[in-house]
Amino acid sequence: MRIPNIKFLIKPKEDILIYFIFEKEAKIFDREHIMDVYFFKNHPTLRMLKKIKNKKKKEKLLSDYVVDYYRKHNVLMQKRIEEIEERWNKVKYKFFNLANKLFQNYPWPQGLIQPL
């Protein structure tokens, strides 16, 4: 069975984009408290983003924070990627076997699949 190769990457630009997606969904579904629990709790210095209305300013502050955070935590993040890859390698065949059963062996896409 041919299975897709999954590569785990650290991509700051996507993380910034994901923040804005979460923020938008939190507003739409009136769940802004979820942002406090799952985001600002881990990154309290970014609570100021809640008060900023200008998206460009918010994006700049978030970008600066993310770049700095990734720089400071690069070694730890690389270690976590290695741990994730190791854990994934233990379950990937089971996952793809189950997915193939569920989707009746529908062919997996060729090439790189980009998130969002």
PDB file of N, CA and C in Angstrom:
ATOM      1  N   MET A   1       0.838  -1.181   0.000  1.00  0.00           N
ATOM      2  CA  MET A   1       0.000   0.000   0.000  1.00  0.00           C
ATOM      3  C   MET A   1       0.883   1.244   0.000  1.00  0.00           C
ATOM      4  N   ARG A   2       0.627   2.143  -0.959  1.00  0.00           N
ATOM      5  CA  ARG A   2       1.343   3.412  -1.005  1.00  0.00           C
ATOM      6  C   ARG A   2       0.614   4.401  -0.100  1.00  0.00           C
ATOM      7  N   ILE A   3       1.376   5.014   0.784  1.00  0.00           N
ATOM      8  CA  ILE A   3       0.776   6.001   1.683  1.00  0.00           C
ATOM      9  C   ILE A   3       1.480   7.338   1.495  1.00  0.00           C
ATOM     10  N   PRO A   4       0.769   8.414   1.735  1.00  0.00           N
ATOM     11  CA  PRO A   4       1.401   9.738   1.624  1.00  0.00           C
ATOM     12  C   PRO A   4       2.495   9.916   2.675  1.00  0.00           C
ATOM     13  N   ASN A   5       3.475  10.677   2.317  1.00  0.00           N
ATOM     14  CA  ASN A   5       4.532  11.023   3.260  1.00  0.00           C
ATOM     15  C   ASN A   5       4.124  12.304   3.976  1.00  0.00           C
ATOM     16  N   ILE A   6       3.993  12.225   5.268  1.00  0.00           N
ATOM     17  CA  ILE A   6       3.600  13.380   6.076  1.00  0.00           C
ATOM     18  C   ILE A   6       4.862  14.031   6.622  1.00  0.00           C
ATOM     19  N   LYS A   7       4.991  15.329   6.395  1.00  0.00           N
ATOM     20  CA  LYS A   7       6.140  16.063   6.911  1.00  0.00           C
ATOM     21  C   LYS A   7       5.627  17.130   7.873  1.00  0.00           C
ATOM     22  N   PHE A   8       6.135  17.116   9.073  1.00  0.00           N
ATOM     23  CA  PHE A   8       5.742  18.080  10.098  1.00  0.00           C
ATOM     24  C   PHE A   8       6.688  19.276  10.027  1.00  0.00           C
ATOM     25  N   LEU A   9       6.106  20.449   9.862  1.00  0.00           N
ATOM     26  CA  LEU A   9       6.898  21.653   9.663  1.00  0.00           C
ATOM     27  C   LEU A   9       6.545  22.726  10.682  1.00  0.00           C
ATOM     28  N   ILE A  10       7.498  23.591  10.915  1.00  0.00           N
ATOM     29  CA  ILE A  10       7.281  24.778  11.736  1.00  0.00           C
ATOM     30  C   ILE A  10       7.187  25.943  10.761  1.00  0.00           C
ATOM     31  N   LYS A  11       5.994  26.557  10.709  1.00  0.00           N
ATOM     32  CA  LYS A  11       5.757  27.612   9.727  1.00  0.00           C
ATOM     33  C   LYS A  11       5.078  28.802  10.401  1.00  0.00           C
ATOM     34  N   PRO A  12       5.861  29.790  10.788  1.00  0.00           N
ATOM     35  CA  PRO A  12       5.311  30.936  11.509  1.00  0.00           C
ATOM     36  C   PRO A  12       4.168  31.647  10.768  1.00  0.00           C
ATOM     37  N   LYS A  13       4.276  31.812   9.458  1.00  0.00           N
ATOM     38  CA  LYS A  13       3.230  32.529   8.720  1.00  0.00           C
ATOM     39  C   LYS A  13       1.884  31.820   8.837  1.00  0.00           C
ATOM     40  N   GLU A  14       1.904  30.496   8.787  1.00  0.00           N
ATOM     41  CA  GLU A  14       0.663  29.743   8.932  1.00  0.00           C
ATOM     42  C   GLU A  14       0.106  29.866  10.344  1.00  0.00           C
ATOM     43  N   ASP A  15       0.983  29.908  11.338  1.00  0.00           N
ATOM     44  CA  ASP A  15       0.523  30.066  12.721  1.00  0.00           C
ATOM     45  C   ASP A  15      -0.161  31.421  12.918  1.00  0.00           C
ATOM     46  N   ILE A  16       0.366  32.445  12.282  1.00  0.00           N
ATOM     47  CA  ILE A  16      -0.247  33.771  12.366  1.00  0.00           C
ATOM     48  C   ILE A  16      -1.610  33.744  11.684  1.00  0.00           C
ATOM     49  N   LEU A  17      -1.678  33.144  10.525  1.00  0.00           N
ATOM     50  CA  LEU A  17      -2.956  33.023   9.806  1.00  0.00           C
ATOM     51  C   LEU A  17      -3.976  32.245  10.635  1.00  0.00           C
ATOM     52  N   ILE A  18      -3.538  31.190  11.269  1.00  0.00           N
ATOM     53  CA  ILE A  18      -4.429  30.375  12.095  1.00  0.00           C
ATOM     54  C   ILE A  18      -4.971  31.186  13.276  1.00  0.00           C
ATOM     55  N   TYR A  19      -4.143  32.051  13.847  1.00  0.00           N
ATOM     56  CA  TYR A  19      -4.637  32.915  14.928  1.00  0.00           C
ATOM     57  C   TYR A  19      -5.859  33.702  14.440  1.00  0.00           C
ATOM     58  N   PHE A  20      -5.748  34.299  13.264  1.00  0.00           N
ATOM     59  CA  PHE A  20      -6.849  35.115  12.755  1.00  0.00           C
ATOM     60  C   PHE A  20      -8.082  34.272  12.427  1.00  0.00           C
ATOM     61  N   ILE A  21      -7.877  33.058  12.006  1.00  0.00           N
ATOM     62  CA  ILE A  21      -9.010  32.155  11.767  1.00  0.00           C
ATOM     63  C   ILE A  21      -9.707  31.844  13.088  1.00  0.00           C
ATOM     64  N   PHE A  22      -8.934  31.500  14.114  1.00  0.00           N
ATOM     65  CA  PHE A  22      -9.515  31.237  15.439  1.00  0.00           C
ATOM     66  C   PHE A  22     -10.249  32.469  15.968  1.00  0.00           C
ATOM     67  N   GLU A  23      -9.641  33.622  15.823  1.00  0.00           N
ATOM     68  CA  GLU A  23     -10.245  34.852  16.306  1.00  0.00           C
ATOM     69  C   GLU A  23     -11.586  35.107  15.612  1.00  0.00           C
ATOM     70  N   LYS A  24     -11.608  34.926  14.306  1.00  0.00           N
ATOM     71  CA  LYS A  24     -12.843  35.140  13.541  1.00  0.00           C
ATOM     72  C   LYS A  24     -13.934  34.164  13.975  1.00  0.00           C
ATOM     73  N   GLU A  25     -13.586  32.893  14.090  1.00  0.00           N
ATOM     74  CA  GLU A  25     -14.565  31.892  14.509  1.00  0.00           C
ATOM     75  C   GLU A  25     -15.059  32.152  15.931  1.00  0.00           C
ATOM     76  N   ALA A  26     -14.165  32.589  16.804  1.00  0.00           N
ATOM     77  CA  ALA A  26     -14.566  32.887  18.182  1.00  0.00           C
ATOM     78  C   ALA A  26     -15.606  34.008  18.206  1.00  0.00           C
ATOM     79  N   LYS A  27     -15.420  35.004  17.364  1.00  0.00           N
ATOM     80  CA  LYS A  27     -16.381  36.104  17.297  1.00  0.00           C
ATOM     81  C   LYS A  27     -17.701  35.637  16.684  1.00  0.00           C
ATOM     82  N   ILE A  28     -17.631  34.896  15.607  1.00  0.00           N
ATOM     83  CA  ILE A  28     -18.840  34.428  14.918  1.00  0.00           C
ATOM     84  C   ILE A  28     -19.710  33.595  15.845  1.00  0.00           C
ATOM     85  N   PHE A  29     -19.082  32.702  16.596  1.00  0.00           N
ATOM     86  CA  PHE A  29     -19.831  31.772  17.441  1.00  0.00           C
ATOM     87  C   PHE A  29     -19.921  32.223  18.897  1.00  0.00           C
ATOM     88  N   ASP A  30     -19.574  33.501  19.150  1.00  0.00           N
ATOM     89  CA  ASP A  30     -19.646  34.075  20.492  1.00  0.00           C
ATOM     90  C   ASP A  30     -18.899  33.207  21.510  1.00  0.00           C
ATOM     91  N   ARG A  31     -17.693  32.854  21.165  1.00  0.00           N
ATOM     92  CA  ARG A  31     -16.868  32.010  22.036  1.00  0.00           C
ATOM     93  C   ARG A  31     -15.493  32.633  22.258  1.00  0.00           C
ATOM     94  N   GLU A  32     -15.481  33.919  22.436  1.00  0.00           N
ATOM     95  CA  GLU A  32     -14.205  34.596  22.628  1.00  0.00           C
ATOM     96  C   GLU A  32     -13.506  34.145  23.905  1.00  0.00           C
ATOM     97  N   HIS A  33     -14.271  33.622  24.856  1.00  0.00           N
ATOM     98  CA  HIS A  33     -13.659  33.090  26.083  1.00  0.00           C
ATOM     99  C   HIS A  33     -12.764  31.884  25.764  1.00  0.00           C
ATOM    100  N   ILE A  34     -13.047  31.187  24.668  1.00  0.00           N
ATOM    101  CA  ILE A  34     -12.220  30.047  24.260  1.00  0.00           C
ATOM    102  C   ILE A  34     -10.800  30.516  23.919  1.00  0.00           C
ATOM    103  N   MET A  35     -10.695  31.710  23.332  1.00  0.00           N
ATOM    104  CA  MET A  35      -9.379  32.269  23.027  1.00  0.00           C
ATOM    105  C   MET A  35      -8.586  32.474  24.319  1.00  0.00           C
ATOM    106  N   ASP A  36      -9.268  32.908  25.372  1.00  0.00           N
ATOM    107  CA  ASP A  36      -8.583  33.090  26.659  1.00  0.00           C
ATOM    108  C   ASP A  36      -8.043  31.767  27.181  1.00  0.00           C
ATOM    109  N   VAL A  37      -8.863  30.746  27.107  1.00  0.00           N
ATOM    110  CA  VAL A  37      -8.496  29.444  27.676  1.00  0.00           C
ATOM    111  C   VAL A  37      -7.394  28.768  26.875  1.00  0.00           C
ATOM    112  N   TYR A  38      -7.513  28.782  25.558  1.00  0.00           N
ATOM    113  CA  TYR A  38      -6.595  27.995  24.736  1.00  0.00           C
ATOM    114  C   TYR A  38      -5.479  28.781  24.072  1.00  0.00           C
ATOM    115  N   PHE A  39      -5.546  30.083  24.102  1.00  0.00           N
ATOM    116  CA  PHE A  39      -4.499  30.851  23.437  1.00  0.00           C
ATOM    117  C   PHE A  39      -3.808  31.815  24.388  1.00  0.00           C
ATOM    118  N   PHE A  40      -4.576  32.751  24.936  1.00  0.00           N
ATOM    119  CA  PHE A  40      -3.959  33.787  25.772  1.00  0.00           C
ATOM    120  C   PHE A  40      -3.423  33.233  27.085  1.00  0.00           C
ATOM    121  N   LYS A  41      -3.959  32.142  27.546  1.00  0.00           N
ATOM    122  CA  LYS A  41      -3.435  31.517  28.761  1.00  0.00           C
ATOM    123  C   LYS A  41      -1.972  31.123  28.571  1.00  0.00           C
ATOM    124  N   ASN A  42      -1.649  30.614  27.379  1.00  0.00           N
ATOM    125  CA  ASN A  42      -0.276  30.191  27.077  1.00  0.00           C
ATOM    126  C   ASN A  42       0.605  31.337  26.598  1.00  0.00           C
ATOM    127  N   HIS A  43      -0.014  32.410  26.143  1.00  0.00           N
ATOM    128  CA  HIS A  43       0.730  33.560  25.616  1.00  0.00           C
ATOM    129  C   HIS A  43       0.118  34.849  26.171  1.00  0.00           C
ATOM    130  N   PRO A  44       0.231  35.067  27.473  1.00  0.00           N
ATOM    131  CA  PRO A  44      -0.463  36.204  28.111  1.00  0.00           C
ATOM    132  C   PRO A  44      -0.035  37.570  27.593  1.00  0.00           C
ATOM    133  N   THR A  45       1.184  37.707  27.108  1.00  0.00           N
ATOM    134  CA  THR A  45       1.607  39.018  26.601  1.00  0.00           C
ATOM    135  C   THR A  45       0.810  39.430  25.364  1.00  0.00           C
ATOM    136  N   LEU A  46       0.148  38.475  24.743  1.00  0.00           N
ATOM    137  CA  LEU A  46      -0.638  38.787  23.546  1.00  0.00           C
ATOM    138  C   LEU A  46      -2.090  39.147  23.848  1.00  0.00           C
ATOM    139  N   ARG A  47      -2.451  39.224  25.104  1.00  0.00           N
ATOM    140  CA  ARG A  47      -3.822  39.636  25.448  1.00  0.00           C
ATOM    141  C   ARG A  47      -4.154  41.011  24.866  1.00  0.00           C
ATOM    142  N   MET A  48      -3.120  41.819  24.648  1.00  0.00           N
ATOM    143  CA  MET A  48      -3.329  43.156  24.081  1.00  0.00           C
ATOM    144  C   MET A  48      -3.976  43.090  22.702  1.00  0.00           C
ATOM    145  N   LEU A  49      -3.834  41.965  22.010  1.00  0.00           N
ATOM    146  CA  LEU A  49      -4.432  41.829  20.677  1.00  0.00           C
ATOM    147  C   LEU A  49      -5.947  41.965  20.719  1.00  0.00           C
ATOM    148  N   LYS A  50      -6.540  41.615  21.847  1.00  0.00           N
ATOM    149  CA  LYS A  50      -8.001  41.700  21.970  1.00  0.00           C
ATOM    150  C   LYS A  50      -8.490  43.146  21.848  1.00  0.00           C
ATOM    151  N   LYS A  51      -7.642  44.102  22.207  1.00  0.00           N
ATOM    152  CA  LYS A  51      -8.041  45.510  22.209  1.00  0.00           C
ATOM    153  C   LYS A  51      -7.743  46.228  20.891  1.00  0.00           C
ATOM    154  N   ILE A  52      -6.929  45.615  20.061  1.00  0.00           N
ATOM    155  CA  ILE A  52      -6.499  46.271  18.823  1.00  0.00           C
ATOM    156  C   ILE A  52      -7.494  45.958  17.707  1.00  0.00           C
ATOM    157  N   LYS A  53      -8.014  46.994  17.087  1.00  0.00           N
ATOM    158  CA  LYS A  53      -8.998  46.836  16.008  1.00  0.00           C
ATOM    159  C   LYS A  53      -8.329  46.805  14.629  1.00  0.00           C
ATOM    160  N   ASN A  54      -7.223  47.523  14.484  1.00  0.00           N
ATOM    161  CA  ASN A  54      -6.531  47.609  13.203  1.00  0.00           C
ATOM    162  C   ASN A  54      -5.817  46.290  12.904  1.00  0.00           C
ATOM    163  N   LYS A  55      -6.258  45.618  11.839  1.00  0.00           N
ATOM    164  CA  LYS A  55      -5.725  44.288  11.529  1.00  0.00           C
ATOM    165  C   LYS A  55      -4.233  44.331  11.185  1.00  0.00           C
ATOM    166  N   LYS A  56      -3.796  45.342  10.460  1.00  0.00           N
ATOM    167  CA  LYS A  56      -2.364  45.447  10.092  1.00  0.00           C
ATOM    168  C   LYS A  56      -1.495  45.593  11.337  1.00  0.00           C
ATOM    169  N   LYS A  57      -1.935  46.420  12.262  1.00  0.00           N
ATOM    170  CA  LYS A  57      -1.187  46.614  13.514  1.00  0.00           C
ATOM    171  C   LYS A  57      -1.175  45.319  14.315  1.00  0.00           C
ATOM    172  N   LYS A  58      -2.324  44.675  14.381  1.00  0.00           N
ATOM    173  CA  LYS A  58      -2.430  43.405  15.106  1.00  0.00           C
ATOM    174  C   LYS A  58      -1.522  42.355  14.467  1.00  0.00           C
ATOM    175  N   GLU A  59      -1.549  42.295  13.149  1.00  0.00           N
ATOM    176  CA  GLU A  59      -0.720  41.325  12.423  1.00  0.00           C
ATOM    177  C   GLU A  59       0.771  41.580  12.668  1.00  0.00           C
ATOM    178  N   LYS A  60       1.166  42.840  12.696  1.00  0.00           N
ATOM    179  CA  LYS A  60       2.576  43.193  12.930  1.00  0.00           C
ATOM    180  C   LYS A  60       3.007  42.779  14.339  1.00  0.00           C
ATOM    181  N   LEU A  61       2.197  43.088  15.340  1.00  0.00           N
ATOM    182  CA  LEU A  61       2.531  42.708  16.714  1.00  0.00           C
ATOM    183  C   LEU A  61       2.601  41.186  16.864  1.00  0.00           C
ATOM    184  N   LEU A  62       1.641  40.507  16.272  1.00  0.00           N
ATOM    185  CA  LEU A  62       1.626  39.049  16.348  1.00  0.00           C
ATOM    186  C   LEU A  62       2.818  38.452  15.618  1.00  0.00           C
ATOM    187  N   SER A  63       3.132  38.984  14.459  1.00  0.00           N
ATOM    188  CA  SER A  63       4.274  38.500  13.681  1.00  0.00           C
ATOM    189  C   SER A  63       5.580  38.676  14.453  1.00  0.00           C
ATOM    190  N   ASP A  64       5.768  39.837  15.040  1.00  0.00           N
ATOM    191  CA  ASP A  64       6.982  40.085  15.835  1.00  0.00           C
ATOM    192  C   ASP A  64       7.077  39.088  16.987  1.00  0.00           C
ATOM    193  N   TYR A  65       5.947  38.853  17.639  1.00  0.00           N
ATOM    194  CA  TYR A  65       5.927  37.921  18.768  1.00  0.00           C
ATOM    195  C   TYR A  65       6.273  36.501  18.301  1.00  0.00           C
ATOM    196  N   VAL A  66       5.639  36.064  17.229  1.00  0.00           N
ATOM    197  CA  VAL A  66       5.846  34.697  16.738  1.00  0.00           C
ATOM    198  C   VAL A  66       7.296  34.491  16.300  1.00  0.00           C
ATOM    199  N   VAL A  67       7.840  35.424  15.561  1.00  0.00           N
ATOM    200  CA  VAL A  67       9.237  35.307  15.113  1.00  0.00           C
ATOM    201  C   VAL A  67      10.168  35.227  16.313  1.00  0.00           C
ATOM    202  N   ASP A  68       9.959  36.081  17.292  1.00  0.00           N
ATOM    203  CA  ASP A  68      10.787  36.074  18.503  1.00  0.00           C
ATOM    204  C   ASP A  68      10.606  34.768  19.281  1.00  0.00           C
ATOM    205  N   TYR A  69       9.364  34.330  19.408  1.00  0.00           N
ATOM    206  CA  TYR A  69       9.071  33.090  20.132  1.00  0.00           C
ATOM    207  C   TYR A  69       9.756  31.897  19.462  1.00  0.00           C
ATOM    208  N   TYR A  70       9.635  31.815  18.149  1.00  0.00           N
ATOM    209  CA  TYR A  70      10.260  30.704  17.409  1.00  0.00           C
ATOM    210  C   TYR A  70      11.777  30.739  17.548  1.00  0.00           C
ATOM    211  N   ARG A  71      12.342  31.953  17.528  1.00  0.00           N
ATOM    212  CA  ARG A  71      13.794  32.086  17.678  1.00  0.00           C
ATOM    213  C   ARG A  71      14.235  31.607  19.056  1.00  0.00           C
ATOM    214  N   LYS A  72      13.522  32.014  20.090  1.00  0.00           N
ATOM    215  CA  LYS A  72      13.878  31.651  21.463  1.00  0.00           C
ATOM    216  C   LYS A  72      13.647  30.171  21.765  1.00  0.00           C
ATOM    217  N   HIS A  73      12.677  29.567  21.108  1.00  0.00           N
ATOM    218  CA  HIS A  73      12.291  28.181  21.408  1.00  0.00           C
ATOM    219  C   HIS A  73      12.622  27.195  20.287  1.00  0.00           C
ATOM    220  N   ASN A  74      13.512  27.593  19.406  1.00  0.00           N
ATOM    221  CA  ASN A  74      13.817  26.778  18.235  1.00  0.00           C
ATOM    222  C   ASN A  74      14.278  25.359  18.597  1.00  0.00           C
ATOM    223  N   VAL A  75      15.170  25.240  19.533  1.00  0.00           N
ATOM    224  CA  VAL A  75      15.701  23.924  19.914  1.00  0.00           C
ATOM    225  C   VAL A  75      14.579  23.041  20.456  1.00  0.00           C
ATOM    226  N   LEU A  76      13.778  23.588  21.348  1.00  0.00           N
ATOM    227  CA  LEU A  76      12.664  22.832  21.915  1.00  0.00           C
ATOM    228  C   LEU A  76      11.655  22.447  20.831  1.00  0.00           C
ATOM    229  N   MET A  77      11.354  23.360  19.934  1.00  0.00           N
ATOM    230  CA  MET A  77      10.389  23.073  18.877  1.00  0.00           C
ATOM    231  C   MET A  77      10.905  21.978  17.942  1.00  0.00           C
ATOM    232  N   GLN A  78      12.178  22.014  17.622  1.00  0.00           N
ATOM    233  CA  GLN A  78      12.750  20.955  16.783  1.00  0.00           C
ATOM    234  C   GLN A  78      12.677  19.608  17.496  1.00  0.00           C
ATOM    235  N   LYS A  79      12.932  19.622  18.795  1.00  0.00           N
ATOM    236  CA  LYS A  79      12.839  18.391  19.577  1.00  0.00           C
ATOM    237  C   LYS A  79      11.408  17.854  19.551  1.00  0.00           C
ATOM    238  N   ARG A  80      10.432  18.748  19.690  1.00  0.00           N
ATOM    239  CA  ARG A  80       9.024  18.327  19.663  1.00  0.00           C
ATOM    240  C   ARG A  80       8.644  17.753  18.296  1.00  0.00           C
ATOM    241  N   ILE A  81       9.158  18.352  17.236  1.00  0.00           N
ATOM    242  CA  ILE A  81       8.898  17.822  15.884  1.00  0.00           C
ATOM    243  C   ILE A  81       9.440  16.394  15.782  1.00  0.00           C
ATOM    244  N   GLU A  82      10.632  16.169  16.284  1.00  0.00           N
ATOM    245  CA  GLU A  82      11.215  14.821  16.258  1.00  0.00           C
ATOM    246  C   GLU A  82      10.350  13.843  17.054  1.00  0.00           C
ATOM    247  N   GLU A  83       9.863  14.277  18.218  1.00  0.00           N
ATOM    248  CA  GLU A  83       8.986  13.419  19.029  1.00  0.00           C
ATOM    249  C   GLU A  83       7.682  13.111  18.294  1.00  0.00           C
ATOM    250  N   ILE A  84       7.118  14.112  17.660  1.00  0.00           N
ATOM    251  CA  ILE A  84       5.868  13.926  16.906  1.00  0.00           C
ATOM    252  C   ILE A  84       6.093  12.954  15.754  1.00  0.00           C
ATOM    253  N   GLU A  85       7.184  13.126  15.026  1.00  0.00           N
ATOM    254  CA  GLU A  85       7.484  12.224  13.910  1.00  0.00           C
ATOM    255  C   GLU A  85       7.650  10.787  14.400  1.00  0.00           C
ATOM    256  N   GLU A  86       8.313  10.626  15.520  1.00  0.00           N
ATOM    257  CA  GLU A  86       8.507   9.290  16.085  1.00  0.00           C
ATOM    258  C   GLU A  86       7.164   8.657  16.458  1.00  0.00           C
ATOM    259  N   ARG A  87       6.300   9.424  17.079  1.00  0.00           N
ATOM    260  CA  ARG A  87       4.979   8.907  17.465  1.00  0.00           C
ATOM    261  C   ARG A  87       4.126   8.617  16.229  1.00  0.00           C
ATOM    262  N   TRP A  88       4.192   9.508  15.223  1.00  0.00           N
ATOM    263  CA  TRP A  88       3.434   9.317  13.992  1.00  0.00           C
ATOM    264  C   TRP A  88       3.872   8.031  13.293  1.00  0.00           C
ATOM    265  N   ASN A  89       5.167   7.809  13.242  1.00  0.00           N
ATOM    266  CA  ASN A  89       5.683   6.608  12.565  1.00  0.00           C
ATOM    267  C   ASN A  89       5.156   5.318  13.192  1.00  0.00           C
ATOM    268  N   LYS A  90       4.797   5.373  14.461  1.00  0.00           N
ATOM    269  CA  LYS A  90       4.261   4.188  15.138  1.00  0.00           C
ATOM    270  C   LYS A  90       2.805   3.910  14.773  1.00  0.00           C
ATOM    271  N   VAL A  91       2.069   4.930  14.327  1.00  0.00           N
ATOM    272  CA  VAL A  91       0.637   4.754  14.072  1.00  0.00           C
ATOM    273  C   VAL A  91       0.221   4.998  12.621  1.00  0.00           C
ATOM    274  N   LYS A  92       1.126   5.466  11.787  1.00  0.00           N
ATOM    275  CA  LYS A  92       0.720   5.896  10.447  1.00  0.00           C
ATOM    276  C   LYS A  92       0.119   4.765   9.606  1.00  0.00           C
ATOM    277  N   TYR A  93       0.662   3.566   9.689  1.00  0.00           N
ATOM    278  CA  TYR A  93       0.112   2.470   8.872  1.00  0.00           C
ATOM    279  C   TYR A  93      -1.299   2.103   9.329  1.00  0.00           C
ATOM    280  N   LYS A  94      -1.506   2.107  10.620  1.00  0.00           N
ATOM    281  CA  LYS A  94      -2.856   1.827  11.138  1.00  0.00           C
ATOM    282  C   LYS A  94      -3.823   2.921  10.683  1.00  0.00           C
ATOM    283  N   PHE A  95      -3.384   4.178  10.791  1.00  0.00           N
ATOM    284  CA  PHE A  95      -4.226   5.291  10.363  1.00  0.00           C
ATOM    285  C   PHE A  95      -4.613   5.159   8.897  1.00  0.00           C
ATOM    286  N   PHE A  96      -3.620   4.940   8.026  1.00  0.00           N
ATOM    287  CA  PHE A  96      -3.917   4.873   6.597  1.00  0.00           C
ATOM    288  C   PHE A  96      -4.720   3.629   6.230  1.00  0.00           C
ATOM    289  N   ASN A  97      -4.499   2.533   6.927  1.00  0.00           N
ATOM    290  CA  ASN A  97      -5.335   1.345   6.691  1.00  0.00           C
ATOM    291  C   ASN A  97      -6.796   1.633   7.026  1.00  0.00           C
ATOM    292  N   LEU A  98      -7.027   2.268   8.162  1.00  0.00           N
ATOM    293  CA  LEU A  98      -8.394   2.618   8.550  1.00  0.00           C
ATOM    294  C   LEU A  98      -8.997   3.652   7.594  1.00  0.00           C
ATOM    295  N   ALA A  99      -8.208   4.640   7.204  1.00  0.00           N
ATOM    296  CA  ALA A  99      -8.697   5.652   6.262  1.00  0.00           C
ATOM    297  C   ALA A  99      -9.040   5.020   4.916  1.00  0.00           C
ATOM    298  N   ASN A 100      -8.216   4.088   4.470  1.00  0.00           N
ATOM    299  CA  ASN A 100      -8.497   3.408   3.201  1.00  0.00           C
ATOM    300  C   ASN A 100      -9.786   2.604   3.277  1.00  0.00           C
ATOM    301  N   LYS A 101     -10.034   1.987   4.419  1.00  0.00           N
ATOM    302  CA  LYS A 101     -11.299   1.263   4.588  1.00  0.00           C
ATOM    303  C   LYS A 101     -12.472   2.241   4.576  1.00  0.00           C
ATOM    304  N   LEU A 102     -12.334   3.317   5.317  1.00  0.00           N
ATOM    305  CA  LEU A 102     -13.399   4.305   5.423  1.00  0.00           C
ATOM    306  C   LEU A 102     -13.719   4.934   4.064  1.00  0.00           C
ATOM    307  N   PHE A 103     -12.684   5.265   3.307  1.00  0.00           N
ATOM    308  CA  PHE A 103     -12.881   5.945   2.021  1.00  0.00           C
ATOM    309  C   PHE A 103     -12.770   4.992   0.829  1.00  0.00           C
ATOM    310  N   GLN A 104     -12.890   3.703   1.102  1.00  0.00           N
ATOM    311  CA  GLN A 104     -12.947   2.657   0.071  1.00  0.00           C
ATOM    312  C   GLN A 104     -11.800   2.761  -0.934  1.00  0.00           C
ATOM    313  N   ASN A 105     -10.594   2.912  -0.397  1.00  0.00           N
ATOM    314  CA  ASN A 105      -9.360   2.965  -1.194  1.00  0.00           C
ATOM    315  C   ASN A 105      -9.329   4.090  -2.225  1.00  0.00           C
ATOM    316  N   TYR A 106     -10.037   5.170  -1.922  1.00  0.00           N
ATOM    317  CA  TYR A 106      -9.970   6.340  -2.804  1.00  0.00           C
ATOM    318  C   TYR A 106      -8.510   6.790  -2.844  1.00  0.00           C
ATOM    319  N   PRO A 107      -7.970   7.103  -4.019  1.00  0.00           N
ATOM    320  CA  PRO A 107      -6.529   7.411  -4.100  1.00  0.00           C
ATOM    321  C   PRO A 107      -6.149   8.684  -3.348  1.00  0.00           C
ATOM    322  N   TRP A 108      -5.001   8.609  -2.708  1.00  0.00           N
ATOM    323  CA  TRP A 108      -4.474   9.770  -2.004  1.00  0.00           C
ATOM    324  C   TRP A 108      -3.937  10.752  -3.032  1.00  0.00           C
ATOM    325  N   PRO A 109      -4.004  12.050  -2.742  1.00  0.00           N
ATOM    326  CA  PRO A 109      -3.473  13.063  -3.693  1.00  0.00           C
ATOM    327  C   PRO A 109      -1.976  12.880  -3.887  1.00  0.00           C
ATOM    328  N   GLN A 110      -1.522  13.240  -5.061  1.00  0.00           N
ATOM    329  CA  GLN A 110      -0.094  13.212  -5.364  1.00  0.00           C
ATOM    330  C   GLN A 110       0.526  14.545  -4.952  1.00  0.00           C
ATOM    331  N   GLY A 111       1.778  14.510  -4.569  1.00  0.00           N
ATOM    332  CA  GLY A 111       2.513  15.741  -4.301  1.00  0.00           C
ATOM    333  C   GLY A 111       2.225  16.340  -2.938  1.00  0.00           C
ATOM    334  N   LEU A 112       2.659  17.559  -2.781  1.00  0.00           N
ATOM    335  CA  LEU A 112       2.571  18.271  -1.520  1.00  0.00           C
ATOM    336  C   LEU A 112       1.166  18.820  -1.317  1.00  0.00           C
ATOM    337  N   ILE A 113       0.633  18.618  -0.138  1.00  0.00           N
ATOM    338  CA  ILE A 113      -0.675  19.169   0.217  1.00  0.00           C
ATOM    339  C   ILE A 113      -0.425  20.317   1.175  1.00  0.00           C
ATOM    340  N   GLN A 114      -0.807  21.503   0.770  1.00  0.00           N
ATOM    341  CA  GLN A 114      -0.582  22.699   1.584  1.00  0.00           C
ATOM    342  C   GLN A 114      -1.796  22.954   2.471  1.00  0.00           C
ATOM    343  N   PRO A 115      -1.580  23.250   3.738  1.00  0.00           N
ATOM    344  CA  PRO A 115      -2.727  23.615   4.591  1.00  0.00           C
ATOM    345  C   PRO A 115      -3.289  24.964   4.158  1.00  0.00           C
ATOM    346  N   LEU A 116      -4.555  25.134   4.368  1.00  0.00           N
ATOM    347  CA  LEU A 116      -5.276  26.368   4.075  1.00  0.00           C
ATOM    348  C   LEU A 116      -5.001  26.774   2.665  1.00  0.00           C
TER     349      LEU A 116
END
